[in-house]
Amino acid sequence: MAALKIFDTEESNILPRVISYFDDTISDGQEMYNDFTGELLAIREFNDNHSTMKLSKMNGLFSTRYRKSSWSECVYVMHSFAHPFYDLPLR
C-alpha cells in the first residue's frame, strides 16, 4: 500500500495511464496469493479508496505472442479517469 502512494499526487505529476508490474500476484501454487493478502489486497484497497483512479490488470496483453509467459499476467494499468489528457488518443 505504501508504494501505491506514488499515485496520490497532482495530476500534472502523472500520466493518464501508468503501466505497473506486480510480481507477487501469480504463483506456482505454493505462495497462495489471493485478494485478501499482499499486493492483490493493496490493489483492492487502492481501488476502494480512489473514485477516479483505478488499478486494473492489462487484459489480453501480448495475448498471441506471449500467451504462455506468466509475467504478462502481472502487468496492471493505473487509470486516472479525471486526468485532463485521459480522453486524448494514445500515440
Protein backbone atom coordinates (compact mmCIF):
# COMPACT_ATOMS: atom_id res chain seq x y z
CA MET A 1 0.00 0.00 0.00
CA ALA A 2 2.87 2.37 0.78
CA ALA A 3 4.26 2.08 -2.75
CA LEU A 4 0.91 2.99 -4.29
CA LYS A 5 1.00 6.38 -2.56
CA ILE A 6 3.12 7.47 -5.51
CA PHE A 7 -0.18 7.97 -7.35
CA ASP A 8 -1.51 10.31 -4.63
CA THR A 9 -0.16 13.42 -6.29
CA GLU A 10 -1.31 16.22 -8.54
CA GLU A 11 -2.45 15.12 -11.99
CA SER A 12 0.35 17.16 -13.57
CA ASN A 13 2.86 14.75 -11.96
CA ILE A 14 1.50 11.57 -13.54
CA LEU A 15 0.38 10.27 -16.90
CA PRO A 16 -3.29 9.45 -17.50
CA ARG A 17 -2.36 5.76 -17.64
CA VAL A 18 0.62 4.23 -15.83
CA ILE A 19 1.75 0.69 -16.59
CA SER A 20 2.68 -1.10 -13.37
CA TYR A 21 4.17 -4.53 -12.67
CA PHE A 22 3.15 -6.56 -9.60
CA ASP A 23 5.27 -9.68 -9.33
CA ASP A 24 3.53 -11.22 -6.30
CA THR A 25 0.11 -11.66 -7.88
CA ILE A 26 0.54 -15.07 -9.50
CA SER A 27 2.32 -18.13 -8.22
CA ASP A 28 3.09 -21.76 -8.82
CA GLY A 29 0.67 -22.71 -6.05
CA GLN A 30 2.97 -22.57 -3.04
CA GLU A 31 2.51 -18.87 -2.25
CA MET A 32 -1.30 -18.99 -2.47
CA TYR A 33 -1.69 -15.29 -3.31
CA ASN A 34 -5.25 -14.03 -3.01
CA ASP A 35 -7.34 -10.85 -2.96
CA PHE A 36 -7.07 -10.60 0.83
CA THR A 37 -3.27 -10.53 1.21
CA GLY A 38 -0.21 -8.79 -0.18
CA GLU A 39 -0.18 -6.93 -3.47
CA LEU A 40 -3.67 -8.04 -4.52
CA LEU A 41 -5.07 -6.66 -1.26
CA ALA A 42 -3.16 -3.41 -1.79
CA ILE A 43 -4.61 -3.10 -5.31
CA ARG A 44 -8.13 -3.73 -4.00
CA GLU A 45 -7.71 -1.19 -1.19
CA PHE A 46 -6.29 1.36 -3.64
CA ASN A 47 -9.32 0.92 -5.91
CA ASP A 48 -11.72 1.14 -2.96
CA ASN A 49 -10.10 4.39 -1.79
CA HIS A 50 -9.85 6.16 -5.15
CA SER A 51 -13.01 7.06 -7.03
CA THR A 52 -11.32 8.47 -10.15
CA MET A 53 -8.20 6.29 -10.21
CA LYS A 54 -8.22 2.52 -10.63
CA LEU A 55 -5.61 -0.20 -10.99
CA SER A 56 -6.66 -2.96 -13.35
CA LYS A 57 -5.00 -5.95 -14.92
CA MET A 58 -3.95 -5.31 -18.50
CA ASN A 59 -6.16 -7.98 -20.04
CA GLY A 60 -5.02 -9.64 -23.23
CA LEU A 61 -1.51 -8.23 -23.02
CA PHE A 62 0.51 -9.94 -25.73
CA SER A 63 -2.29 -12.49 -25.98
CA THR A 64 -0.84 -14.19 -29.02
CA ARG A 65 2.92 -13.67 -28.94
CA TYR A 66 3.47 -14.19 -25.21
CA ARG A 67 0.44 -16.36 -24.50
CA LYS A 68 2.46 -18.74 -22.29
CA SER A 69 4.50 -16.07 -20.49
CA SER A 70 3.37 -15.76 -16.88
CA TRP A 71 4.93 -12.29 -16.47
CA SER A 72 2.29 -10.80 -18.75
CA GLU A 73 -0.33 -11.68 -16.09
CA CYS A 74 1.48 -9.36 -13.63
CA VAL A 75 1.04 -6.19 -15.69
CA TYR A 76 -1.59 -3.72 -14.48
CA VAL A 77 -2.52 -0.22 -15.56
CA MET A 78 -3.40 2.64 -13.26
CA HIS A 79 -6.13 4.65 -14.98
CA SER A 80 -6.55 8.25 -13.86
CA PHE A 81 -10.02 8.88 -15.27
CA ALA A 82 -10.12 12.53 -14.14
CA HIS A 83 -6.79 13.35 -15.78
CA PRO A 84 -7.22 16.17 -18.33
CA PHE A 85 -5.48 14.09 -21.02
CA TYR A 86 -7.26 10.78 -20.35
CA ASP A 87 -9.62 11.10 -23.33
CA LEU A 88 -6.92 12.07 -25.82
CA PRO A 89 -5.89 9.39 -28.34
CA LEU A 90 -2.84 7.30 -27.42
CA ARG A 91 0.08 7.88 -29.75
